[in-house]
Amino acid sequence: MTALIFAVAILWLLVLILIGVVFALARQVGILFERVTPVGAMVNDTGPKVGEASSTFSLPSLNGGEVVIGPRGQRSTLVFFLSTTCPICKKILPALQDMRDSEGRWLDIVLASDGEEKLHRAFIRKAGLDAFPYVLSAELGMSYRISRLPFAVLIDGAGIVRAKGLINSREQLESLFNATEMGVPSIQSFLSAPAHS
């Protein structure tokens, strides 16, 4: 009888250890999913294509002044489409603030959305976005055929779309600049080219 009780106790101990191992593995899988994101921004085929001229817009900013999207001489523009209710958009805002500080000598970052102005003004205050040009324009979103957020479009000083895509992480945001520097429409197109496959 003592041997049976001992065997059952050992089995219960093994079950508890296995449960702990399963939870530890589940946690590690979760961490991997956070770290391993798709390479580059996810490009869509709608709206102006990379290499085509962007439409020109002159829009009032909620933070004051006018914002020109299109040809701007020597300065490029990153238009970042966001929503006040988008959790991924909020996660990327610190990366945009860092970029504004580090790339400000050649790049302007414009936040764009549509909807009720009052909600956006509250969002600007809460997220500390007073330093960004912030425009509300349904026409701007329709011009680029924005269907999912967050989405970014990089336009050079001549008004040409240099890179664009759906953004889920800082790395994908930076991939727009990498693609532009490499002279390719997207990192995916570079990686899938015959020389790199």
C-alpha atoms as a PDB file:
ATOM      1  CA  MET A   1       0.000   0.000   0.000  1.00  0.00           C
ATOM      2  CA  THR A   2       2.882   2.397   0.816  1.00  0.00           C
ATOM      3  CA  ALA A   3       4.408   1.787  -2.623  1.00  0.00           C
ATOM      4  CA  LEU A   4       1.095   2.709  -4.316  1.00  0.00           C
ATOM      5  CA  ILE A   5       0.810   5.980  -2.356  1.00  0.00           C
ATOM      6  CA  PHE A   6       4.434   6.787  -3.206  1.00  0.00           C
ATOM      7  CA  ALA A   7       3.843   6.073  -6.938  1.00  0.00           C
ATOM      8  CA  VAL A   8       0.721   8.293  -7.028  1.00  0.00           C
ATOM      9  CA  ALA A   9       2.606  11.099  -5.248  1.00  0.00           C
ATOM     10  CA  ILE A  10       5.443  10.871  -7.800  1.00  0.00           C
ATOM     11  CA  LEU A  11       2.944  10.948 -10.681  1.00  0.00           C
ATOM     12  CA  TRP A  12       1.245  14.063  -9.247  1.00  0.00           C
ATOM     13  CA  LEU A  13       4.626  15.722  -8.856  1.00  0.00           C
ATOM     14  CA  LEU A  14       5.451  14.933 -12.495  1.00  0.00           C
ATOM     15  CA  VAL A  15       2.078  16.329 -13.650  1.00  0.00           C
ATOM     16  CA  LEU A  16       2.718  19.590 -11.757  1.00  0.00           C
ATOM     17  CA  ILE A  17       6.198  19.865 -13.270  1.00  0.00           C
ATOM     18  CA  LEU A  18       4.761  19.286 -16.768  1.00  0.00           C
ATOM     19  CA  ILE A  19       2.135  21.998 -16.200  1.00  0.00           C
ATOM     20  CA  GLY A  20       4.921  24.404 -15.208  1.00  0.00           C
ATOM     21  CA  VAL A  21       6.930  23.501 -18.320  1.00  0.00           C
ATOM     22  CA  VAL A  22       3.893  24.031 -20.591  1.00  0.00           C
ATOM     23  CA  PHE A  23       3.283  27.498 -19.105  1.00  0.00           C
ATOM     24  CA  ALA A  24       6.967  28.408 -19.511  1.00  0.00           C
ATOM     25  CA  LEU A  25       6.933  27.285 -23.158  1.00  0.00           C
ATOM     26  CA  ALA A  26       3.699  29.184 -23.834  1.00  0.00           C
ATOM     27  CA  ARG A  27       5.319  32.320 -22.427  1.00  0.00           C
ATOM     28  CA  GLN A  28       8.393  31.851 -24.644  1.00  0.00           C
ATOM     29  CA  VAL A  29       6.208  31.392 -27.737  1.00  0.00           C
ATOM     30  CA  GLY A  30       4.435  34.649 -26.859  1.00  0.00           C
ATOM     31  CA  ILE A  31       7.748  36.468 -26.532  1.00  0.00           C
ATOM     32  CA  LEU A  32       8.886  35.106 -29.914  1.00  0.00           C
ATOM     33  CA  PHE A  33       5.693  36.310 -31.592  1.00  0.00           C
ATOM     34  CA  GLU A  34       6.338  39.795 -30.199  1.00  0.00           C
ATOM     35  CA  ARG A  35       9.942  39.851 -31.398  1.00  0.00           C
ATOM     36  CA  VAL A  36       9.556  38.188 -34.788  1.00  0.00           C
ATOM     37  CA  THR A  37       7.587  40.547 -36.991  1.00  0.00           C
ATOM     38  CA  PRO A  38       7.277  40.466 -40.779  1.00  0.00           C
ATOM     39  CA  VAL A  39      10.234  42.031 -42.586  1.00  0.00           C
ATOM     40  CA  GLY A  40       9.393  45.475 -43.824  1.00  0.00           C
ATOM     41  CA  ALA A  41       6.154  47.360 -44.088  1.00  0.00           C
ATOM     42  CA  MET A  42       3.342  45.407 -45.730  1.00  0.00           C
ATOM     43  CA  VAL A  43       2.826  47.129 -49.064  1.00  0.00           C
ATOM     44  CA  ASN A  44      -0.554  47.238 -50.755  1.00  0.00           C
ATOM     45  CA  ASP A  45      -1.189  47.731 -54.457  1.00  0.00           C
ATOM     46  CA  THR A  46      -3.854  50.416 -54.131  1.00  0.00           C
ATOM     47  CA  GLY A  47      -3.412  54.168 -54.304  1.00  0.00           C
ATOM     48  CA  PRO A  48      -0.381  55.827 -55.881  1.00  0.00           C
ATOM     49  CA  LYS A  49       2.346  53.280 -56.562  1.00  0.00           C
ATOM     50  CA  VAL A  50       5.928  53.670 -55.378  1.00  0.00           C
ATOM     51  CA  GLY A  51       7.660  55.883 -57.948  1.00  0.00           C
ATOM     52  CA  GLU A  52       4.495  57.780 -58.909  1.00  0.00           C
ATOM     53  CA  ALA A  53       3.737  61.381 -58.045  1.00  0.00           C
ATOM     54  CA  SER A  54       1.591  62.011 -55.010  1.00  0.00           C
ATOM     55  CA  SER A  55      -1.408  64.296 -55.215  1.00  0.00           C
ATOM     56  CA  THR A  56      -0.716  67.676 -53.634  1.00  0.00           C
ATOM     57  CA  PHE A  57      -2.664  68.695 -50.556  1.00  0.00           C
ATOM     58  CA  SER A  58      -2.609  71.850 -48.476  1.00  0.00           C
ATOM     59  CA  LEU A  59      -4.382  71.169 -45.195  1.00  0.00           C
ATOM     60  CA  PRO A  60      -4.800  72.984 -41.887  1.00  0.00           C
ATOM     61  CA  SER A  61      -3.053  71.377 -38.926  1.00  0.00           C
ATOM     62  CA  LEU A  62      -4.887  70.948 -35.637  1.00  0.00           C
ATOM     63  CA  ASN A  63      -1.657  72.170 -34.020  1.00  0.00           C
ATOM     64  CA  GLY A  64      -1.637  75.354 -36.096  1.00  0.00           C
ATOM     65  CA  GLY A  65      -0.453  76.365 -39.563  1.00  0.00           C
ATOM     66  CA  GLU A  66      -0.835  74.770 -42.970  1.00  0.00           C
ATOM     67  CA  VAL A  67       0.620  71.424 -44.010  1.00  0.00           C
ATOM     68  CA  VAL A  68       1.682  70.776 -47.618  1.00  0.00           C
ATOM     69  CA  ILE A  69       1.761  67.150 -48.703  1.00  0.00           C
ATOM     70  CA  GLY A  70       3.389  66.776 -52.100  1.00  0.00           C
ATOM     71  CA  PRO A  71       6.421  68.544 -53.644  1.00  0.00           C
ATOM     72  CA  ARG A  72       8.395  70.365 -50.914  1.00  0.00           C
ATOM     73  CA  GLY A  73      11.817  71.104 -52.378  1.00  0.00           C
ATOM     74  CA  GLN A  74      14.587  69.500 -50.318  1.00  0.00           C
ATOM     75  CA  ARG A  75      12.382  68.075 -47.533  1.00  0.00           C
ATOM     76  CA  SER A  76      10.749  64.660 -47.566  1.00  0.00           C
ATOM     77  CA  THR A  77       7.472  63.931 -45.799  1.00  0.00           C
ATOM     78  CA  LEU A  78       6.349  60.861 -43.895  1.00  0.00           C
ATOM     79  CA  VAL A  79       2.550  60.807 -43.653  1.00  0.00           C
ATOM     80  CA  PHE A  80       1.485  58.506 -40.831  1.00  0.00           C
ATOM     81  CA  PHE A  81      -2.205  57.556 -40.893  1.00  0.00           C
ATOM     82  CA  LEU A  82      -3.576  56.709 -37.462  1.00  0.00           C
ATOM     83  CA  SER A  83      -6.713  56.440 -35.370  1.00  0.00           C
ATOM     84  CA  THR A  84      -7.404  57.545 -31.812  1.00  0.00           C
ATOM     85  CA  THR A  85      -8.647  54.024 -31.013  1.00  0.00           C
ATOM     86  CA  CYS A  86      -5.834  52.043 -32.655  1.00  0.00           C
ATOM     87  CA  PRO A  87      -3.556  50.390 -30.041  1.00  0.00           C
ATOM     88  CA  ILE A  88      -0.761  49.698 -32.548  1.00  0.00           C
ATOM     89  CA  CYS A  89      -0.801  53.364 -33.624  1.00  0.00           C
ATOM     90  CA  LYS A  90      -0.275  54.393 -29.996  1.00  0.00           C
ATOM     91  CA  LYS A  91       2.562  51.869 -29.646  1.00  0.00           C
ATOM     92  CA  ILE A  92       4.387  53.397 -32.644  1.00  0.00           C
ATOM     93  CA  LEU A  93       4.065  57.042 -31.537  1.00  0.00           C
ATOM     94  CA  PRO A  94       7.288  56.993 -29.440  1.00  0.00           C
ATOM     95  CA  ALA A  95       9.205  55.736 -32.504  1.00  0.00           C
ATOM     96  CA  LEU A  96       7.776  58.627 -34.535  1.00  0.00           C
ATOM     97  CA  GLN A  97       8.864  61.087 -31.836  1.00  0.00           C
ATOM     98  CA  ASP A  98      12.393  59.632 -31.902  1.00  0.00           C
ATOM     99  CA  MET A  99      12.432  59.848 -35.702  1.00  0.00           C
ATOM    100  CA  ARG A 100      11.272  63.436 -35.655  1.00  0.00           C
ATOM    101  CA  ASP A 101      14.232  64.290 -33.420  1.00  0.00           C
ATOM    102  CA  SER A 102      16.866  62.233 -35.254  1.00  0.00           C
ATOM    103  CA  GLU A 103      15.752  62.790 -38.884  1.00  0.00           C
ATOM    104  CA  GLY A 104      14.327  66.305 -38.573  1.00  0.00           C
ATOM    105  CA  ARG A 105      17.041  67.880 -40.723  1.00  0.00           C
ATOM    106  CA  TRP A 106      15.536  66.339 -43.891  1.00  0.00           C
ATOM    107  CA  LEU A 107      12.181  64.811 -42.893  1.00  0.00           C
ATOM    108  CA  ASP A 108       8.813  66.170 -41.773  1.00  0.00           C
ATOM    109  CA  ILE A 109       6.413  63.755 -40.098  1.00  0.00           C
ATOM    110  CA  VAL A 110       2.712  64.484 -40.548  1.00  0.00           C
ATOM    111  CA  LEU A 111       0.049  62.646 -38.575  1.00  0.00           C
ATOM    112  CA  ALA A 112      -3.166  62.157 -40.528  1.00  0.00           C
ATOM    113  CA  SER A 113      -6.618  60.875 -39.738  1.00  0.00           C
ATOM    114  CA  ASP A 114     -10.278  61.735 -40.140  1.00  0.00           C
ATOM    115  CA  GLY A 115     -13.269  61.914 -37.875  1.00  0.00           C
ATOM    116  CA  GLU A 116     -14.432  64.208 -35.099  1.00  0.00           C
ATOM    117  CA  GLU A 117     -12.022  67.058 -34.394  1.00  0.00           C
ATOM    118  CA  LYS A 118     -12.843  67.148 -30.673  1.00  0.00           C
ATOM    119  CA  LEU A 119     -11.695  63.530 -30.216  1.00  0.00           C
ATOM    120  CA  HIS A 120      -8.458  64.213 -32.054  1.00  0.00           C
ATOM    121  CA  ARG A 121      -7.695  67.328 -30.026  1.00  0.00           C
ATOM    122  CA  ALA A 122      -8.130  65.295 -26.832  1.00  0.00           C
ATOM    123  CA  PHE A 123      -5.885  62.583 -28.288  1.00  0.00           C
ATOM    124  CA  ILE A 124      -3.192  65.157 -29.150  1.00  0.00           C
ATOM    125  CA  ARG A 125      -3.214  66.457 -25.566  1.00  0.00           C
ATOM    126  CA  LYS A 126      -3.208  62.993 -23.974  1.00  0.00           C
ATOM    127  CA  ALA A 127      -0.445  61.564 -26.220  1.00  0.00           C
ATOM    128  CA  GLY A 128       1.690  64.746 -26.222  1.00  0.00           C
ATOM    129  CA  LEU A 129       1.571  65.240 -29.999  1.00  0.00           C
ATOM    130  CA  ASP A 130       1.625  69.049 -30.019  1.00  0.00           C
ATOM    131  CA  ALA A 131       4.933  69.146 -31.936  1.00  0.00           C
ATOM    132  CA  PHE A 132       3.580  67.183 -34.922  1.00  0.00           C
ATOM    133  CA  PRO A 133       1.557  68.608 -37.789  1.00  0.00           C
ATOM    134  CA  TYR A 134      -1.781  66.793 -37.389  1.00  0.00           C
ATOM    135  CA  VAL A 135      -4.331  66.887 -40.209  1.00  0.00           C
ATOM    136  CA  LEU A 136      -7.885  65.616 -40.512  1.00  0.00           C
ATOM    137  CA  SER A 137      -8.856  64.788 -44.084  1.00  0.00           C
ATOM    138  CA  ALA A 138     -10.979  61.949 -45.406  1.00  0.00           C
ATOM    139  CA  GLU A 139      -9.890  62.985 -48.925  1.00  0.00           C
ATOM    140  CA  LEU A 140      -6.210  62.420 -48.045  1.00  0.00           C
ATOM    141  CA  GLY A 141      -6.914  58.880 -46.819  1.00  0.00           C
ATOM    142  CA  MET A 142      -9.013  58.114 -49.905  1.00  0.00           C
ATOM    143  CA  SER A 143      -6.278  59.454 -52.180  1.00  0.00           C
ATOM    144  CA  TYR A 144      -3.843  56.847 -50.812  1.00  0.00           C
ATOM    145  CA  ARG A 145      -6.577  54.168 -50.531  1.00  0.00           C
ATOM    146  CA  ILE A 146      -5.963  53.638 -46.819  1.00  0.00           C
ATOM    147  CA  SER A 147      -8.060  50.687 -45.669  1.00  0.00           C
ATOM    148  CA  ARG A 148      -6.148  49.525 -42.567  1.00  0.00           C
ATOM    149  CA  LEU A 149      -4.181  51.340 -39.898  1.00  0.00           C
ATOM    150  CA  PRO A 150      -1.523  52.280 -39.060  1.00  0.00           C
ATOM    151  CA  PHE A 151      -0.278  53.087 -42.553  1.00  0.00           C
ATOM    152  CA  ALA A 152       2.640  55.290 -43.642  1.00  0.00           C
ATOM    153  CA  VAL A 153       3.633  56.918 -46.918  1.00  0.00           C
ATOM    154  CA  LEU A 154       7.112  58.376 -47.537  1.00  0.00           C
ATOM    155  CA  ILE A 155       7.149  61.168 -50.128  1.00  0.00           C
ATOM    156  CA  ASP A 156      10.371  62.776 -51.344  1.00  0.00           C
ATOM    157  CA  GLY A 157      10.927  66.480 -51.903  1.00  0.00           C
ATOM    158  CA  ALA A 158       9.782  66.224 -55.534  1.00  0.00           C
ATOM    159  CA  GLY A 159       6.428  64.790 -54.436  1.00  0.00           C
ATOM    160  CA  ILE A 160       7.198  61.208 -55.530  1.00  0.00           C
ATOM    161  CA  VAL A 161       5.995  58.309 -53.374  1.00  0.00           C
ATOM    162  CA  ARG A 162       9.201  56.528 -52.346  1.00  0.00           C
ATOM    163  CA  ALA A 163       7.799  53.897 -49.961  1.00  0.00           C
ATOM    164  CA  LYS A 164       4.510  53.003 -48.289  1.00  0.00           C
ATOM    165  CA  GLY A 165       2.930  50.259 -46.279  1.00  0.00           C
ATOM    166  CA  LEU A 166       0.994  48.957 -43.327  1.00  0.00           C
ATOM    167  CA  ILE A 167       3.081  49.449 -40.183  1.00  0.00           C
ATOM    168  CA  ASN A 168       2.939  47.226 -37.092  1.00  0.00           C
ATOM    169  CA  SER A 169       6.309  47.943 -35.495  1.00  0.00           C
ATOM    170  CA  ARG A 170       9.219  50.356 -35.355  1.00  0.00           C
ATOM    171  CA  GLU A 171      11.201  48.002 -37.605  1.00  0.00           C
ATOM    172  CA  GLN A 172       8.535  48.149 -40.303  1.00  0.00           C
ATOM    173  CA  LEU A 173       8.488  51.933 -40.051  1.00  0.00           C
ATOM    174  CA  GLU A 174      12.270  52.054 -40.490  1.00  0.00           C
ATOM    175  CA  SER A 175      11.999  49.629 -43.428  1.00  0.00           C
ATOM    176  CA  LEU A 176      10.388  52.443 -45.452  1.00  0.00           C
ATOM    177  CA  PHE A 177      13.626  54.419 -45.163  1.00  0.00           C
ATOM    178  CA  ASN A 178      15.751  51.329 -45.876  1.00  0.00           C
ATOM    179  CA  ALA A 179      13.773  50.592 -49.042  1.00  0.00           C
ATOM    180  CA  THR A 180      14.175  54.204 -50.191  1.00  0.00           C
ATOM    181  CA  GLU A 181      17.934  54.170 -49.565  1.00  0.00           C
ATOM    182  CA  MET A 182      18.250  50.885 -51.495  1.00  0.00           C
ATOM    183  CA  GLY A 183      16.143  52.217 -54.379  1.00  0.00           C
ATOM    184  CA  VAL A 184      13.559  49.424 -54.164  1.00  0.00           C
ATOM    185  CA  PRO A 185       9.771  49.659 -53.703  1.00  0.00           C
ATOM    186  CA  SER A 186       9.886  47.553 -50.523  1.00  0.00           C
ATOM    187  CA  ILE A 187      12.163  45.278 -48.517  1.00  0.00           C
ATOM    188  CA  GLN A 188       9.986  42.324 -49.586  1.00  0.00           C
ATOM    189  CA  SER A 189      10.584  43.045 -53.279  1.00  0.00           C
ATOM    190  CA  PHE A 190      14.336  43.253 -52.616  1.00  0.00           C
ATOM    191  CA  LEU A 191      14.377  39.940 -50.737  1.00  0.00           C
ATOM    192  CA  SER A 192      12.234  38.160 -53.308  1.00  0.00           C
ATOM    193  CA  ALA A 193      14.384  39.274 -56.256  1.00  0.00           C
ATOM    194  CA  PRO A 194      16.119  36.305 -57.980  1.00  0.00           C
ATOM    195  CA  ALA A 195      19.588  37.336 -56.744  1.00  0.00           C
ATOM    196  CA  HIS A 196      18.382  37.250 -53.125  1.00  0.00           C
ATOM    197  CA  SER A 197      16.045  34.243 -53.068  1.00  0.00           C
END
